[in-house]
Amino acid sequence: SRNLTTTSGDVTLKVPRLKGISFETAIIERYRRRESSVEEALIE
C-alpha cells in the first residue's frame, strides 16, 4: 500500500510487487506521497 494525496483527497494505492522484474510506474514516482499540483499549491 502507498498513500497518495491528490486534489480529490487521500487515496490508497495498491502497488503490484513483481518477482524477476522491477516495477517502474509512470503513475507515481517512487516514494512520492504527494501529487505535484498539491505541493505547488501549498508553496503558493
PDB file of all heavy atoms in Angstrom:
ATOM      1  N   SER A   1       0.831  -1.207   0.000  1.00  0.00           N
ATOM      2  CA  SER A   1       0.000   0.000   0.000  1.00  0.00           C
ATOM      3  C   SER A   1       0.864   1.255   0.000  1.00  0.00           C
ATOM      4  O   SER A   1       1.927   1.304   0.629  1.00  0.00           O
ATOM      5  CB  SER A   1      -0.920   0.014   1.223  1.00  0.00           C
ATOM      6  OG  SER A   1      -1.830  -1.061   1.163  1.00  0.00           O
ATOM      7  N   ARG A   2       0.393   2.246  -0.693  1.00  0.00           N
ATOM      8  CA  ARG A   2       1.083   3.539  -0.751  1.00  0.00           C
ATOM      9  C   ARG A   2       0.026   4.636  -0.733  1.00  0.00           C
ATOM     10  O   ARG A   2      -0.888   4.631  -1.550  1.00  0.00           O
ATOM     11  CB  ARG A   2       1.914   3.634  -2.031  1.00  0.00           C
ATOM     12  CG  ARG A   2       2.615   4.955  -2.210  1.00  0.00           C
ATOM     13  CD  ARG A   2       3.782   5.074  -1.263  1.00  0.00           C
ATOM     14  NE  ARG A   2       4.851   4.159  -1.611  1.00  0.00           N
ATOM     15  CZ  ARG A   2       5.821   3.811  -0.783  1.00  0.00           C
ATOM     16  NH1 ARG A   2       5.837   4.285   0.435  1.00  0.00           N
ATOM     17  NH2 ARG A   2       6.768   2.980  -1.162  1.00  0.00           N
ATOM     18  N   ASN A   3       0.122   5.515   0.234  1.00  0.00           N
ATOM     19  CA  ASN A   3      -0.824   6.628   0.299  1.00  0.00           C
ATOM     20  C   ASN A   3      -0.376   7.749  -0.639  1.00  0.00           C
ATOM     21  O   ASN A   3       0.816   8.033  -0.760  1.00  0.00           O
ATOM     22  CB  ASN A   3      -0.920   7.185   1.720  1.00  0.00           C
ATOM     23  CG  ASN A   3      -1.606   6.216   2.660  1.00  0.00           C
ATOM     24  OD1 ASN A   3      -2.486   5.467   2.251  1.00  0.00           O
ATOM     25  ND2 ASN A   3      -1.194   6.216   3.927  1.00  0.00           N
ATOM     26  N   LEU A   4      -1.339   8.359  -1.284  1.00  0.00           N
ATOM     27  CA  LEU A   4      -1.051   9.471  -2.185  1.00  0.00           C
ATOM     28  C   LEU A   4      -2.118  10.536  -1.985  1.00  0.00           C
ATOM     29  O   LEU A   4      -3.319  10.242  -2.002  1.00  0.00           O
ATOM     30  CB  LEU A   4      -1.062   8.999  -3.645  1.00  0.00           C
ATOM     31  CG  LEU A   4      -0.788  10.067  -4.711  1.00  0.00           C
ATOM     32  CD1 LEU A   4       0.662  10.530  -4.652  1.00  0.00           C
ATOM     33  CD2 LEU A   4      -1.115   9.549  -6.102  1.00  0.00           C
ATOM     34  N   THR A   5      -1.690  11.771  -1.750  1.00  0.00           N
ATOM     35  CA  THR A   5      -2.636  12.879  -1.626  1.00  0.00           C
ATOM     36  C   THR A   5      -2.849  13.488  -2.996  1.00  0.00           C
ATOM     37  O   THR A   5      -1.897  13.925  -3.639  1.00  0.00           O
ATOM     38  CB  THR A   5      -2.115  13.957  -0.656  1.00  0.00           C
ATOM     39  OG1 THR A   5      -1.943  13.361   0.631  1.00  0.00           O
ATOM     40  CG2 THR A   5      -3.104  15.107  -0.542  1.00  0.00           C
ATOM     41  N   THR A   6      -4.084  13.487  -3.431  1.00  0.00           N
ATOM     42  CA  THR A   6      -4.429  14.072  -4.728  1.00  0.00           C
ATOM     43  C   THR A   6      -5.345  15.262  -4.508  1.00  0.00           C
ATOM     44  O   THR A   6      -5.783  15.519  -3.383  1.00  0.00           O
ATOM     45  CB  THR A   6      -5.137  13.052  -5.641  1.00  0.00           C
ATOM     46  OG1 THR A   6      -6.477  12.888  -5.194  1.00  0.00           O
ATOM     47  CG2 THR A   6      -4.421  11.718  -5.637  1.00  0.00           C
ATOM     48  N   THR A   7      -5.678  15.950  -5.569  1.00  0.00           N
ATOM     49  CA  THR A   7      -6.588  17.087  -5.449  1.00  0.00           C
ATOM     50  C   THR A   7      -8.003  16.643  -5.110  1.00  0.00           C
ATOM     51  O   THR A   7      -8.865  17.468  -4.820  1.00  0.00           O
ATOM     52  CB  THR A   7      -6.607  17.895  -6.761  1.00  0.00           C
ATOM     53  OG1 THR A   7      -6.802  17.001  -7.852  1.00  0.00           O
ATOM     54  CG2 THR A   7      -5.307  18.654  -6.958  1.00  0.00           C
ATOM     55  N   SER A   8      -8.251  15.340  -5.134  1.00  0.00           N
ATOM     56  CA  SER A   8      -9.571  14.809  -4.768  1.00  0.00           C
ATOM     57  C   SER A   8      -9.578  14.237  -3.353  1.00  0.00           C
ATOM     58  O   SER A   8     -10.605  13.758  -2.884  1.00  0.00           O
ATOM     59  CB  SER A   8      -9.986  13.707  -5.759  1.00  0.00           C
ATOM     60  OG  SER A   8     -10.030  14.217  -7.068  1.00  0.00           O
ATOM     61  N   GLY A   9      -8.433  14.244  -2.686  1.00  0.00           N
ATOM     62  CA  GLY A   9      -8.333  13.713  -1.337  1.00  0.00           C
ATOM     63  C   GLY A   9      -7.297  12.605  -1.263  1.00  0.00           C
ATOM     64  O   GLY A   9      -6.638  12.266  -2.251  1.00  0.00           O
ATOM     65  N   ASP A  10      -7.146  12.017  -0.071  1.00  0.00           N
ATOM     66  CA  ASP A  10      -6.187  10.920   0.111  1.00  0.00           C
ATOM     67  C   ASP A  10      -6.708   9.645  -0.534  1.00  0.00           C
ATOM     68  O   ASP A  10      -7.880   9.270  -0.353  1.00  0.00           O
ATOM     69  CB  ASP A  10      -5.960  10.668   1.602  1.00  0.00           C
ATOM     70  CG  ASP A  10      -5.002  11.673   2.209  1.00  0.00           C
ATOM     71  OD1 ASP A  10      -4.458  12.485   1.450  1.00  0.00           O
ATOM     72  OD2 ASP A  10      -4.813  11.644   3.437  1.00  0.00           O
ATOM     73  N   VAL A  11      -5.841   8.960  -1.268  1.00  0.00           N
ATOM     74  CA  VAL A  11      -6.201   7.673  -1.858  1.00  0.00           C
ATOM     75  C   VAL A  11      -5.148   6.639  -1.464  1.00  0.00           C
ATOM     76  O   VAL A  11      -3.991   6.983  -1.190  1.00  0.00           O
ATOM     77  CB  VAL A  11      -6.306   7.745  -3.402  1.00  0.00           C
ATOM     78  CG1 VAL A  11      -7.401   8.702  -3.824  1.00  0.00           C
ATOM     79  CG2 VAL A  11      -4.978   8.151  -4.032  1.00  0.00           C
ATOM     80  N   THR A  12      -5.570   5.369  -1.400  1.00  0.00           N
ATOM     81  CA  THR A  12      -4.652   4.276  -1.084  1.00  0.00           C
ATOM     82  C   THR A  12      -4.374   3.501  -2.355  1.00  0.00           C
ATOM     83  O   THR A  12      -5.294   2.937  -2.972  1.00  0.00           O
ATOM     84  CB  THR A  12      -5.256   3.337  -0.022  1.00  0.00           C
ATOM     85  OG1 THR A  12      -5.528   4.088   1.166  1.00  0.00           O
ATOM     86  CG2 THR A  12      -4.289   2.203   0.303  1.00  0.00           C
ATOM     87  N   LEU A  13      -3.120   3.494  -2.757  1.00  0.00           N
ATOM     88  CA  LEU A  13      -2.723   2.782  -3.967  1.00  0.00           C
ATOM     89  C   LEU A  13      -2.239   1.374  -3.605  1.00  0.00           C
ATOM     90  O   LEU A  13      -1.497   1.199  -2.631  1.00  0.00           O
ATOM     91  CB  LEU A  13      -1.612   3.526  -4.690  1.00  0.00           C
ATOM     92  CG  LEU A  13      -1.935   4.947  -5.159  1.00  0.00           C
ATOM     93  CD1 LEU A  13      -0.722   5.551  -5.861  1.00  0.00           C
ATOM     94  CD2 LEU A  13      -3.143   4.965  -6.083  1.00  0.00           C
ATOM     95  N   LYS A  14      -2.668   0.381  -4.368  1.00  0.00           N
ATOM     96  CA  LYS A  14      -2.200  -0.996  -4.204  1.00  0.00           C
ATOM     97  C   LYS A  14      -1.164  -1.238  -5.297  1.00  0.00           C
ATOM     98  O   LYS A  14      -1.506  -1.592  -6.424  1.00  0.00           O
ATOM     99  CB  LYS A  14      -3.367  -1.964  -4.311  1.00  0.00           C
ATOM    100  CG  LYS A  14      -4.382  -1.802  -3.187  1.00  0.00           C
ATOM    101  CD  LYS A  14      -5.549  -2.764  -3.346  1.00  0.00           C
ATOM    102  CE  LYS A  14      -6.551  -2.581  -2.212  1.00  0.00           C
ATOM    103  NZ  LYS A  14      -7.723  -3.506  -2.369  1.00  0.00           N
ATOM    104  N   VAL A  15       0.080  -1.020  -4.954  1.00  0.00           N
ATOM    105  CA  VAL A  15       1.160  -1.105  -5.930  1.00  0.00           C
ATOM    106  C   VAL A  15       1.601  -2.551  -6.084  1.00  0.00           C
ATOM    107  O   VAL A  15       1.975  -3.207  -5.094  1.00  0.00           O
ATOM    108  CB  VAL A  15       2.360  -0.234  -5.504  1.00  0.00           C
ATOM    109  CG1 VAL A  15       3.439  -0.250  -6.586  1.00  0.00           C
ATOM    110  CG2 VAL A  15       1.911   1.193  -5.215  1.00  0.00           C
ATOM    111  N   PRO A  16       1.542  -3.098  -7.302  1.00  0.00           N
ATOM    112  CA  PRO A  16       1.927  -4.504  -7.512  1.00  0.00           C
ATOM    113  C   PRO A  16       3.399  -4.768  -7.185  1.00  0.00           C
ATOM    114  O   PRO A  16       4.268  -3.961  -7.513  1.00  0.00           O
ATOM    115  CB  PRO A  16       1.656  -4.726  -9.005  1.00  0.00           C
ATOM    116  CG  PRO A  16       0.660  -3.675  -9.374  1.00  0.00           C
ATOM    117  CD  PRO A  16       1.033  -2.486  -8.545  1.00  0.00           C
ATOM    118  N   ARG A  17       3.645  -5.911  -6.496  1.00  0.00           N
ATOM    119  CA  ARG A  17       5.014  -6.389  -6.289  1.00  0.00           C
ATOM    120  C   ARG A  17       5.289  -7.440  -7.361  1.00  0.00           C
ATOM    121  O   ARG A  17       4.470  -8.330  -7.599  1.00  0.00           O
ATOM    122  CB  ARG A  17       5.168  -7.019  -4.910  1.00  0.00           C
ATOM    123  CG  ARG A  17       5.404  -6.038  -3.785  1.00  0.00           C
ATOM    124  CD  ARG A  17       5.964  -6.768  -2.567  1.00  0.00           C
ATOM    125  NE  ARG A  17       6.266  -5.851  -1.493  1.00  0.00           N
ATOM    126  CZ  ARG A  17       5.476  -5.610  -0.461  1.00  0.00           C
ATOM    127  NH1 ARG A  17       4.312  -6.234  -0.375  1.00  0.00           N
ATOM    128  NH2 ARG A  17       5.830  -4.767   0.486  1.00  0.00           N
ATOM    129  N   LEU A  18       6.443  -7.350  -7.994  1.00  0.00           N
ATOM    130  CA  LEU A  18       6.790  -8.290  -9.044  1.00  0.00           C
ATOM    131  C   LEU A  18       8.086  -9.010  -8.712  1.00  0.00           C
ATOM    132  O   LEU A  18       8.989  -8.445  -8.089  1.00  0.00           O
ATOM    133  CB  LEU A  18       6.936  -7.566 -10.386  1.00  0.00           C
ATOM    134  CG  LEU A  18       5.736  -6.762 -10.892  1.00  0.00           C
ATOM    135  CD1 LEU A  18       6.075  -6.114 -12.222  1.00  0.00           C
ATOM    136  CD2 LEU A  18       4.499  -7.629 -11.012  1.00  0.00           C
ATOM    137  N   LYS A  19       8.181 -10.281  -9.127  1.00  0.00           N
ATOM    138  CA  LYS A  19       9.418 -11.056  -8.992  1.00  0.00           C
ATOM    139  C   LYS A  19      10.023 -11.249 -10.364  1.00  0.00           C
ATOM    140  O   LYS A  19       9.322 -11.518 -11.333  1.00  0.00           O
ATOM    141  CB  LYS A  19       9.121 -12.419  -8.372  1.00  0.00           C
ATOM    142  CG  LYS A  19       8.856 -12.383  -6.887  1.00  0.00           C
ATOM    143  CD  LYS A  19       8.700 -13.795  -6.343  1.00  0.00           C
ATOM    144  CE  LYS A  19       8.500 -13.784  -4.821  1.00  0.00           C
ATOM    145  NZ  LYS A  19       8.349 -15.161  -4.290  1.00  0.00           N
ATOM    146  N   GLY A  20      11.332 -11.085 -10.430  1.00  0.00           N
ATOM    147  CA  GLY A  20      12.024 -11.302 -11.691  1.00  0.00           C
ATOM    148  C   GLY A  20      12.046 -10.073 -12.589  1.00  0.00           C
ATOM    149  O   GLY A  20      12.634 -10.102 -13.669  1.00  0.00           O
ATOM    150  N   ILE A  21      11.403  -9.020 -12.165  1.00  0.00           N
ATOM    151  CA  ILE A  21      11.362  -7.787 -12.958  1.00  0.00           C
ATOM    152  C   ILE A  21      11.013  -6.630 -12.026  1.00  0.00           C
ATOM    153  O   ILE A  21      10.222  -6.786 -11.094  1.00  0.00           O
ATOM    154  CB  ILE A  21      10.330  -7.899 -14.113  1.00  0.00           C
ATOM    155  CG1 ILE A  21      10.404  -6.676 -15.031  1.00  0.00           C
ATOM    156  CG2 ILE A  21       8.935  -8.075 -13.570  1.00  0.00           C
ATOM    157  CD1 ILE A  21       9.526  -6.822 -16.280  1.00  0.00           C
ATOM    158  N   SER A  22      11.636  -5.491 -12.230  1.00  0.00           N
ATOM    159  CA  SER A  22      11.332  -4.332 -11.383  1.00  0.00           C
ATOM    160  C   SER A  22      10.107  -3.606 -11.918  1.00  0.00           C
ATOM    161  O   SER A  22       9.900  -3.543 -13.136  1.00  0.00           O
ATOM    162  CB  SER A  22      12.527  -3.371 -11.333  1.00  0.00           C
ATOM    163  OG  SER A  22      12.790  -2.860 -12.626  1.00  0.00           O
ATOM    164  N   PHE A  23       9.307  -3.127 -10.994  1.00  0.00           N
ATOM    165  CA  PHE A  23       8.075  -2.424 -11.387  1.00  0.00           C
ATOM    166  C   PHE A  23       8.316  -0.912 -11.349  1.00  0.00           C
ATOM    167  O   PHE A  23       8.405  -0.308 -10.291  1.00  0.00           O
ATOM    168  CB  PHE A  23       6.928  -2.803 -10.454  1.00  0.00           C
ATOM    169  CG  PHE A  23       5.617  -2.141 -10.811  1.00  0.00           C
ATOM    170  CD1 PHE A  23       5.032  -2.350 -12.052  1.00  0.00           C
ATOM    171  CD2 PHE A  23       4.971  -1.307  -9.903  1.00  0.00           C
ATOM    172  CE1 PHE A  23       3.828  -1.752 -12.392  1.00  0.00           C
ATOM    173  CE2 PHE A  23       3.770  -0.701 -10.234  1.00  0.00           C
ATOM    174  CZ  PHE A  23       3.196  -0.924 -11.479  1.00  0.00           C
ATOM    175  N   GLU A  24       8.467  -0.316 -12.505  1.00  0.00           N
ATOM    176  CA  GLU A  24       8.637   1.129 -12.620  1.00  0.00           C
ATOM    177  C   GLU A  24       7.335   1.700 -13.164  1.00  0.00           C
ATOM    178  O   GLU A  24       6.939   1.360 -14.280  1.00  0.00           O
ATOM    179  CB  GLU A  24       9.795   1.468 -13.560  1.00  0.00           C
ATOM    180  CG  GLU A  24      11.153   0.977 -13.086  1.00  0.00           C
ATOM    181  CD  GLU A  24      11.642   1.724 -11.860  1.00  0.00           C
ATOM    182  OE1 GLU A  24      11.138   2.835 -11.597  1.00  0.00           O
ATOM    183  OE2 GLU A  24      12.536   1.203 -11.162  1.00  0.00           O
ATOM    184  N   THR A  25       6.680   2.518 -12.372  1.00  0.00           N
ATOM    185  CA  THR A  25       5.384   3.044 -12.785  1.00  0.00           C
ATOM    186  C   THR A  25       5.463   4.498 -13.226  1.00  0.00           C
ATOM    187  O   THR A  25       6.188   5.293 -12.632  1.00  0.00           O
ATOM    188  CB  THR A  25       4.344   2.910 -11.659  1.00  0.00           C
ATOM    189  OG1 THR A  25       3.139   3.562 -12.067  1.00  0.00           O
ATOM    190  CG2 THR A  25       4.832   3.563 -10.363  1.00  0.00           C
ATOM    191  N   ALA A  26       4.720   4.812 -14.249  1.00  0.00           N
ATOM    192  CA  ALA A  26       4.606   6.209 -14.695  1.00  0.00           C
ATOM    193  C   ALA A  26       3.494   6.926 -13.941  1.00  0.00           C
ATOM    194  O   ALA A  26       3.343   8.133 -14.046  1.00  0.00           O
ATOM    195  CB  ALA A  26       4.327   6.253 -16.199  1.00  0.00           C
ATOM    196  N   ILE A  27       2.696   6.166 -13.169  1.00  0.00           N
ATOM    197  CA  ILE A  27       1.564   6.764 -12.441  1.00  0.00           C
ATOM    198  C   ILE A  27       2.061   7.574 -11.256  1.00  0.00           C
ATOM    199  O   ILE A  27       1.618   8.671 -10.983  1.00  0.00           O
ATOM    200  CB  ILE A  27       0.589   5.666 -11.964  1.00  0.00           C
ATOM    201  CG1 ILE A  27       0.140   4.785 -13.137  1.00  0.00           C
ATOM    202  CG2 ILE A  27      -0.609   6.293 -11.269  1.00  0.00           C
ATOM    203  CD1 ILE A  27      -0.571   5.536 -14.227  1.00  0.00           C
ATOM    204  N   ILE A  28       2.994   7.028 -10.516  1.00  0.00           N
ATOM    205  CA  ILE A  28       3.561   7.759  -9.370  1.00  0.00           C
ATOM    206  C   ILE A  28       5.068   7.603  -9.395  1.00  0.00           C
ATOM    207  O   ILE A  28       5.597   6.585  -9.837  1.00  0.00           O
ATOM    208  CB  ILE A  28       3.021   7.253  -8.010  1.00  0.00           C
ATOM    209  CG1 ILE A  28       3.275   5.753  -7.890  1.00  0.00           C
ATOM    210  CG2 ILE A  28       1.570   7.597  -7.834  1.00  0.00           C
ATOM    211  CD1 ILE A  28       3.002   5.195  -6.519  1.00  0.00           C
ATOM    212  N   GLU A  29       5.773   8.597  -8.917  1.00  0.00           N
ATOM    213  CA  GLU A  29       7.211   8.479  -8.761  1.00  0.00           C
ATOM    214  C   GLU A  29       7.469   7.656  -7.516  1.00  0.00           C
ATOM    215  O   GLU A  29       6.697   7.675  -6.552  1.00  0.00           O
ATOM    216  CB  GLU A  29       7.842   9.863  -8.594  1.00  0.00           C
ATOM    217  CG  GLU A  29       7.669  10.763  -9.794  1.00  0.00           C
ATOM    218  CD  GLU A  29       8.176  12.163  -9.516  1.00  0.00           C
ATOM    219  OE1 GLU A  29       8.953  12.313  -8.548  1.00  0.00           O
ATOM    220  OE2 GLU A  29       7.796  13.073 -10.249  1.00  0.00           O
ATOM    221  N   ARG A  30       8.572   6.927  -7.518  1.00  0.00           N
ATOM    222  CA  ARG A  30       8.876   6.071  -6.384  1.00  0.00           C
ATOM    223  C   ARG A  30       9.035   6.891  -5.111  1.00  0.00           C
ATOM    224  O   ARG A  30       9.728   7.904  -5.106  1.00  0.00           O
ATOM    225  CB  ARG A  30      10.165   5.294  -6.672  1.00  0.00           C
ATOM    226  CG  ARG A  30      10.373   4.121  -5.732  1.00  0.00           C
ATOM    227  CD  ARG A  30      11.586   3.349  -6.143  1.00  0.00           C
ATOM    228  NE  ARG A  30      11.724   2.143  -5.341  1.00  0.00           N
ATOM    229  CZ  ARG A  30      12.744   1.309  -5.424  1.00  0.00           C
ATOM    230  NH1 ARG A  30      13.715   1.548  -6.279  1.00  0.00           N
ATOM    231  NH2 ARG A  30      12.805   0.245  -4.657  1.00  0.00           N
ATOM    232  N   TYR A  31       8.369   6.426  -4.032  1.00  0.00           N
ATOM    233  CA  TYR A  31       8.384   7.068  -2.717  1.00  0.00           C
ATOM    234  C   TYR A  31       7.716   8.449  -2.693  1.00  0.00           C
ATOM    235  O   TYR A  31       7.808   9.150  -1.690  1.00  0.00           O
ATOM    236  CB  TYR A  31       9.815   7.211  -2.164  1.00  0.00           C
ATOM    237  CG  TYR A  31      10.567   5.921  -2.114  1.00  0.00           C
ATOM    238  CD1 TYR A  31      11.776   5.783  -2.771  1.00  0.00           C
ATOM    239  CD2 TYR A  31      10.057   4.837  -1.410  1.00  0.00           C
ATOM    240  CE1 TYR A  31      12.472   4.583  -2.740  1.00  0.00           C
ATOM    241  CE2 TYR A  31      10.750   3.631  -1.374  1.00  0.00           C
ATOM    242  CZ  TYR A  31      11.948   3.512  -2.036  1.00  0.00           C
ATOM    243  OH  TYR A  31      12.626   2.333  -2.004  1.00  0.00           O
ATOM    244  N   ARG A  32       7.072   8.844  -3.781  1.00  0.00           N
ATOM    245  CA  ARG A  32       6.428  10.163  -3.778  1.00  0.00           C
ATOM    246  C   ARG A  32       5.046  10.033  -3.190  1.00  0.00           C
ATOM    247  O   ARG A  32       4.230   9.257  -3.658  1.00  0.00           O
ATOM    248  CB  ARG A  32       6.347  10.723  -5.191  1.00  0.00           C
ATOM    249  CG  ARG A  32       5.784  12.148  -5.235  1.00  0.00           C
ATOM    250  CD  ARG A  32       5.974  12.738  -6.620  1.00  0.00           C
ATOM    251  NE  ARG A  32       5.411  14.062  -6.743  1.00  0.00           N
ATOM    252  CZ  ARG A  32       5.991  15.160  -6.311  1.00  0.00           C
ATOM    253  NH1 ARG A  32       7.146  15.084  -5.703  1.00  0.00           N
ATOM    254  NH2 ARG A  32       5.419  16.334  -6.467  1.00  0.00           N
ATOM    255  N   ARG A  33       4.736  10.849  -2.148  1.00  0.00           N
ATOM    256  CA  ARG A  33       3.461  10.753  -1.458  1.00  0.00           C
ATOM    257  C   ARG A  33       2.460  11.810  -1.923  1.00  0.00           C
ATOM    258  O   ARG A  33       1.290  11.701  -1.681  1.00  0.00           O
ATOM    259  CB  ARG A  33       3.645  10.949   0.061  1.00  0.00           C
ATOM    260  CG  ARG A  33       4.633  10.015   0.712  1.00  0.00           C
ATOM    261  CD  ARG A  33       4.094   8.609   0.750  1.00  0.00           C
ATOM    262  NE  ARG A  33       4.706   7.802   1.786  1.00  0.00           N
ATOM    263  CZ  ARG A  33       5.872   7.212   1.669  1.00  0.00           C
ATOM    264  NH1 ARG A  33       6.562   7.347   0.570  1.00  0.00           N
ATOM    265  NH2 ARG A  33       6.347   6.496   2.656  1.00  0.00           N
ATOM    266  N   ARG A  34       2.962  12.851  -2.549  1.00  0.00           N
ATOM    267  CA  ARG A  34       2.075  13.988  -2.808  1.00  0.00           C
ATOM    268  C   ARG A  34       2.066  14.364  -4.265  1.00  0.00           C
ATOM    269  O   ARG A  34       3.114  14.476  -4.890  1.00  0.00           O
ATOM    270  CB  ARG A  34       2.526  15.203  -1.982  1.00  0.00           C
ATOM    271  CG  ARG A  34       1.640  16.417  -2.158  1.00  0.00           C
ATOM    272  CD  ARG A  34       1.750  17.337  -0.978  1.00  0.00           C
ATOM    273  NE  ARG A  34       1.021  16.787   0.149  1.00  0.00           N
ATOM    274  CZ  ARG A  34       1.571  16.139   1.179  1.00  0.00           C
ATOM    275  NH1 ARG A  34       2.874  15.996   1.243  1.00  0.00           N
ATOM    276  NH2 ARG A  34       0.826  15.645   2.142  1.00  0.00           N
ATOM    277  N   GLU A  35       0.891  14.562  -4.797  1.00  0.00           N
ATOM    278  CA  GLU A  35       0.742  14.992  -6.176  1.00  0.00           C
ATOM    279  C   GLU A  35       1.375  16.371  -6.348  1.00  0.00           C
ATOM    280  O   GLU A  35       1.262  17.229  -5.476  1.00  0.00           O
ATOM    281  CB  GLU A  35      -0.758  15.068  -6.493  1.00  0.00           C
ATOM    282  CG  GLU A  35      -1.082  15.146  -7.956  1.00  0.00           C
ATOM    283  CD  GLU A  35      -2.586  15.149  -8.164  1.00  0.00           C
ATOM    284  OE1 GLU A  35      -3.266  15.875  -7.448  1.00  0.00           O
ATOM    285  OE2 GLU A  35      -3.052  14.431  -9.044  1.00  0.00           O
ATOM    286  N   SER A  36       2.072  16.599  -7.443  1.00  0.00           N
ATOM    287  CA  SER A  36       2.822  17.845  -7.629  1.00  0.00           C
ATOM    288  C   SER A  36       1.934  19.077  -7.551  1.00  0.00           C
ATOM    289  O   SER A  36       2.335  20.109  -7.024  1.00  0.00           O
ATOM    290  CB  SER A  36       3.557  17.824  -8.973  1.00  0.00           C
ATOM    291  OG  SER A  36       2.638  17.704 -10.040  1.00  0.00           O
ATOM    292  N   SER A  37       0.706  18.969  -8.040  1.00  0.00           N
ATOM    293  CA  SER A  37      -0.189  20.130  -8.002  1.00  0.00           C
ATOM    294  C   SER A  37      -0.503  20.553  -6.576  1.00  0.00           C
ATOM    295  O   SER A  37      -0.644  21.734  -6.275  1.00  0.00           O
ATOM    296  CB  SER A  37      -1.495  19.827  -8.745  1.00  0.00           C
ATOM    297  OG  SER A  37      -2.193  18.770  -8.125  1.00  0.00           O
ATOM    298  N   VAL A  38      -0.608  19.557  -5.664  1.00  0.00           N
ATOM    299  CA  VAL A  38      -0.870  19.851  -4.257  1.00  0.00           C
ATOM    300  C   VAL A  38       0.322  20.567  -3.644  1.00  0.00           C
ATOM    301  O   VAL A  38       0.192  21.573  -2.948  1.00  0.00           O
ATOM    302  CB  VAL A  38      -1.187  18.554  -3.477  1.00  0.00           C
ATOM    303  CG1 VAL A  38      -1.379  18.852  -1.999  1.00  0.00           C
ATOM    304  CG2 VAL A  38      -2.419  17.883  -4.056  1.00  0.00           C
ATOM    305  N   GLU A  39       1.526  20.040  -3.907  1.00  0.00           N
ATOM    306  CA  GLU A  39       2.743  20.630  -3.352  1.00  0.00           C
ATOM    307  C   GLU A  39       2.931  22.065  -3.829  1.00  0.00           C
ATOM    308  O   GLU A  39       3.242  22.965  -3.047  1.00  0.00           O
ATOM    309  CB  GLU A  39       3.945  19.777  -3.751  1.00  0.00           C
ATOM    310  CG  GLU A  39       5.233  20.177  -3.069  1.00  0.00           C
ATOM    311  CD  GLU A  39       6.330  19.167  -3.339  1.00  0.00           C
ATOM    312  OE1 GLU A  39       6.390  18.162  -2.626  1.00  0.00           O
ATOM    313  OE2 GLU A  39       7.108  19.394  -4.281  1.00  0.00           O
ATOM    314  N   GLU A  40       2.731  22.280  -5.119  1.00  0.00           N
ATOM    315  CA  GLU A  40       2.874  23.622  -5.675  1.00  0.00           C
ATOM    316  C   GLU A  40       1.859  24.577  -5.060  1.00  0.00           C
ATOM    317  O   GLU A  40       2.165  25.728  -4.777  1.00  0.00           O
ATOM    318  CB  GLU A  40       2.717  23.574  -7.194  1.00  0.00           C
ATOM    319  CG  GLU A  40       3.914  22.934  -7.894  1.00  0.00           C
ATOM    320  CD  GLU A  40       3.640  22.647  -9.355  1.00  0.00           C
ATOM    321  OE1 GLU A  40       2.585  23.088  -9.836  1.00  0.00           O
ATOM    322  OE2 GLU A  40       4.469  21.987 -10.000  1.00  0.00           O
ATOM    323  N   ALA A  41       0.641  24.081  -4.860  1.00  0.00           N
ATOM    324  CA  ALA A  41      -0.404  24.926  -4.272  1.00  0.00           C
ATOM    325  C   ALA A  41      -0.038  25.323  -2.846  1.00  0.00           C
ATOM    326  O   ALA A  41      -0.260  26.462  -2.426  1.00  0.00           O
ATOM    327  CB  ALA A  41      -1.743  24.198  -4.293  1.00  0.00           C
ATOM    328  N   LEU A  42       0.547  24.389  -2.090  1.00  0.00           N
ATOM    329  CA  LEU A  42       0.964  24.690  -0.720  1.00  0.00           C
ATOM    330  C   LEU A  42       2.038  25.771  -0.703  1.00  0.00           C
ATOM    331  O   LEU A  42       1.998  26.700   0.110  1.00  0.00           O
ATOM    332  CB  LEU A  42       1.487  23.424  -0.039  1.00  0.00           C
ATOM    333  CG  LEU A  42       0.440  22.372   0.338  1.00  0.00           C
ATOM    334  CD1 LEU A  42       1.120  21.104   0.803  1.00  0.00           C
ATOM    335  CD2 LEU A  42      -0.485  22.905   1.417  1.00  0.00           C
ATOM    336  N   ILE A  43       3.015  25.640  -1.597  1.00  0.00           N
ATOM    337  CA  ILE A  43       4.081  26.642  -1.678  1.00  0.00           C
ATOM    338  C   ILE A  43       3.504  27.993  -2.066  1.00  0.00           C
ATOM    339  O   ILE A  43       3.858  29.026  -1.495  1.00  0.00           O
ATOM    340  CB  ILE A  43       5.167  26.199  -2.684  1.00  0.00           C
ATOM    341  CG1 ILE A  43       5.906  24.969  -2.142  1.00  0.00           C
ATOM    342  CG2 ILE A  43       6.158  27.331  -2.947  1.00  0.00           C
ATOM    343  CD1 ILE A  43       6.897  24.367  -3.111  1.00  0.00           C
ATOM    344  N   GLU A  44       2.577  27.995  -3.031  1.00  0.00           N
ATOM    345  CA  GLU A  44       1.979  29.254  -3.462  1.00  0.00           C
ATOM    346  C   GLU A  44       1.199  29.916  -2.330  1.00  0.00           C
ATOM    347  O   GLU A  44       1.192  31.130  -2.195  1.00  0.00           O
ATOM    348  CB  GLU A  44       1.058  29.024  -4.668  1.00  0.00           C
ATOM    349  CG  GLU A  44       1.796  28.782  -5.976  1.00  0.00           C
ATOM    350  CD  GLU A  44       2.732  29.931  -6.319  1.00  0.00           C
ATOM    351  OE1 GLU A  44       2.333  31.103  -6.207  1.00  0.00           O
ATOM    352  OE2 GLU A  44       3.887  29.657  -6.688  1.00  0.00           O
TER     353      GLU A  44
END
